[in-house]
Amino acid sequence: MAKSLVQKLTAKFKLSELHDSYRENVERLIEEKNKGEKITTVKQPRKAPVIDLMEALKKSLQSTKASHAAEPSESRRVSKKRPRKRQAA
């Protein structure tokens, strides 16, 4: 299950999409302190509620299985019957 999930969610790493807000806030606080200004805080976004990770993973895999079930795979198209052996007369 884990291998399947990793394969489905693998993507290229894009450094330009990352944003370090913690560092920016620390630098801002240092600047305010150096200037003698009153230090202000930044409101943090609310954290998302905790979810059951195992259930979320199972649902994710079920949704990908359902979409792939509609498409016949190569292994399903090939007949797996073995040829019958001839009996000696």
C-alpha atoms as a PDB file:
ATOM      1  CA  MET A   1       0.000   0.000   0.000  1.00  0.00           C
ATOM      2  CA  ALA A   2       2.821   2.400   0.877  1.00  0.00           C
ATOM      3  CA  LYS A   3       4.690   1.790  -2.387  1.00  0.00           C
ATOM      4  CA  SER A   4       1.549   2.397  -4.390  1.00  0.00           C
ATOM      5  CA  LEU A   5       0.855   5.636  -2.555  1.00  0.00           C
ATOM      6  CA  VAL A   6       4.415   6.918  -3.025  1.00  0.00           C
ATOM      7  CA  GLN A   7       4.329   6.126  -6.742  1.00  0.00           C
ATOM      8  CA  LYS A   8       1.046   7.990  -7.192  1.00  0.00           C
ATOM      9  CA  LEU A   9       2.161  11.099  -5.277  1.00  0.00           C
ATOM     10  CA  THR A  10       5.752  11.432  -6.502  1.00  0.00           C
ATOM     11  CA  ALA A  11       6.535  14.771  -8.149  1.00  0.00           C
ATOM     12  CA  LYS A  12       9.533  16.972  -8.957  1.00  0.00           C
ATOM     13  CA  PHE A  13      10.832  19.151  -6.110  1.00  0.00           C
ATOM     14  CA  LYS A  14      10.321  22.873  -6.809  1.00  0.00           C
ATOM     15  CA  LEU A  15      12.313  25.076  -4.456  1.00  0.00           C
ATOM     16  CA  SER A  16      10.691  28.243  -5.825  1.00  0.00           C
ATOM     17  CA  GLU A  17       7.306  27.137  -4.427  1.00  0.00           C
ATOM     18  CA  LEU A  18       8.558  27.049  -0.820  1.00  0.00           C
ATOM     19  CA  HIS A  19       8.104  30.041   1.462  1.00  0.00           C
ATOM     20  CA  ASP A  20       9.911  30.388   4.818  1.00  0.00           C
ATOM     21  CA  SER A  21       7.523  32.546   6.853  1.00  0.00           C
ATOM     22  CA  TYR A  22       9.192  31.629  10.153  1.00  0.00           C
ATOM     23  CA  ARG A  23      12.510  33.117   9.060  1.00  0.00           C
ATOM     24  CA  GLU A  24      10.800  36.247   7.734  1.00  0.00           C
ATOM     25  CA  ASN A  25       9.005  36.757  11.071  1.00  0.00           C
ATOM     26  CA  VAL A  26      12.228  36.324  13.072  1.00  0.00           C
ATOM     27  CA  GLU A  27      14.054  38.816  10.831  1.00  0.00           C
ATOM     28  CA  ARG A  28      11.159  41.285  11.193  1.00  0.00           C
ATOM     29  CA  LEU A  29      11.247  40.931  14.996  1.00  0.00           C
ATOM     30  CA  ILE A  30      15.018  41.546  15.027  1.00  0.00           C
ATOM     31  CA  GLU A  31      14.587  44.686  12.897  1.00  0.00           C
ATOM     32  CA  GLU A  32      11.815  46.014  15.157  1.00  0.00           C
ATOM     33  CA  LYS A  33      13.965  45.363  18.234  1.00  0.00           C
ATOM     34  CA  ASN A  34      17.011  47.085  16.658  1.00  0.00           C
ATOM     35  CA  LYS A  35      14.940  50.167  15.814  1.00  0.00           C
ATOM     36  CA  GLY A  36      13.550  50.281  19.338  1.00  0.00           C
ATOM     37  CA  GLU A  37      10.000  49.767  18.115  1.00  0.00           C
ATOM     38  CA  LYS A  38       7.332  47.832  19.941  1.00  0.00           C
ATOM     39  CA  ILE A  39       7.492  44.184  18.917  1.00  0.00           C
ATOM     40  CA  THR A  40       4.328  42.993  17.201  1.00  0.00           C
ATOM     41  CA  THR A  41       3.175  39.439  16.693  1.00  0.00           C
ATOM     42  CA  VAL A  42       1.772  37.906  13.561  1.00  0.00           C
ATOM     43  CA  LYS A  43      -1.463  35.968  13.796  1.00  0.00           C
ATOM     44  CA  GLN A  44      -0.838  32.360  12.903  1.00  0.00           C
ATOM     45  CA  PRO A  45      -3.287  30.474  10.714  1.00  0.00           C
ATOM     46  CA  ARG A  46      -5.545  27.971  12.439  1.00  0.00           C
ATOM     47  CA  LYS A  47      -4.338  24.424  12.316  1.00  0.00           C
ATOM     48  CA  ALA A  48      -6.419  21.876  10.473  1.00  0.00           C
ATOM     49  CA  PRO A  49      -8.224  19.306  12.587  1.00  0.00           C
ATOM     50  CA  VAL A  50      -6.407  16.004  13.118  1.00  0.00           C
ATOM     51  CA  ILE A  51      -7.582  13.261  10.784  1.00  0.00           C
ATOM     52  CA  ASP A  52      -7.148   9.511  10.849  1.00  0.00           C
ATOM     53  CA  LEU A  53      -4.216   9.076   8.486  1.00  0.00           C
ATOM     54  CA  MET A  54      -4.813   5.390   7.821  1.00  0.00           C
ATOM     55  CA  GLU A  55      -8.426   6.018   6.771  1.00  0.00           C
ATOM     56  CA  ALA A  56      -7.326   8.861   4.488  1.00  0.00           C
ATOM     57  CA  LEU A  57      -4.717   6.619   2.834  1.00  0.00           C
ATOM     58  CA  LYS A  58      -7.233   3.828   2.311  1.00  0.00           C
ATOM     59  CA  LYS A  59      -9.739   6.217   0.714  1.00  0.00           C
ATOM     60  CA  SER A  60      -7.020   7.601  -1.545  1.00  0.00           C
ATOM     61  CA  LEU A  61      -6.049   4.140  -2.739  1.00  0.00           C
ATOM     62  CA  GLN A  62      -9.683   3.117  -3.247  1.00  0.00           C
ATOM     63  CA  SER A  63     -10.322   6.165  -5.415  1.00  0.00           C
ATOM     64  CA  THR A  64      -7.302   5.372  -7.607  1.00  0.00           C
ATOM     65  CA  LYS A  65      -8.330   1.700  -7.848  1.00  0.00           C
ATOM     66  CA  ALA A  66     -11.828   2.716  -8.922  1.00  0.00           C
ATOM     67  CA  SER A  67     -10.502   4.934 -11.709  1.00  0.00           C
ATOM     68  CA  HIS A  68      -8.126   2.207 -12.921  1.00  0.00           C
ATOM     69  CA  ALA A  69     -10.809  -0.508 -12.763  1.00  0.00           C
ATOM     70  CA  ALA A  70     -12.661   1.116 -15.668  1.00  0.00           C
ATOM     71  CA  GLU A  71      -9.572   0.737 -17.889  1.00  0.00           C
ATOM     72  CA  PRO A  72      -8.639  -2.872 -18.758  1.00  0.00           C
ATOM     73  CA  SER A  73      -4.971  -3.550 -18.108  1.00  0.00           C
ATOM     74  CA  GLU A  74      -2.679  -5.552 -20.377  1.00  0.00           C
ATOM     75  CA  SER A  75      -2.661  -8.497 -17.978  1.00  0.00           C
ATOM     76  CA  ARG A  76      -6.447  -8.767 -18.112  1.00  0.00           C
ATOM     77  CA  ARG A  77      -6.547  -8.859 -21.901  1.00  0.00           C
ATOM     78  CA  VAL A  78      -4.194 -11.828 -22.257  1.00  0.00           C
ATOM     79  CA  SER A  79      -5.697 -15.244 -21.710  1.00  0.00           C
ATOM     80  CA  LYS A  80      -3.898 -17.204 -19.043  1.00  0.00           C
ATOM     81  CA  LYS A  81      -5.160 -20.650 -20.080  1.00  0.00           C
ATOM     82  CA  ARG A  82      -2.526 -23.316 -20.510  1.00  0.00           C
ATOM     83  CA  PRO A  83      -2.653 -25.532 -23.593  1.00  0.00           C
ATOM     84  CA  ARG A  84      -4.002 -29.003 -22.881  1.00  0.00           C
ATOM     85  CA  LYS A  85      -1.611 -31.905 -22.950  1.00  0.00           C
ATOM     86  CA  ARG A  86      -2.349 -34.555 -25.548  1.00  0.00           C
ATOM     87  CA  GLN A  87      -2.939 -38.035 -24.246  1.00  0.00           C
ATOM     88  CA  ALA A  88      -1.138 -40.924 -25.898  1.00  0.00           C
ATOM     89  CA  ALA A  89      -3.408 -43.164 -27.993  1.00  0.00           C
END
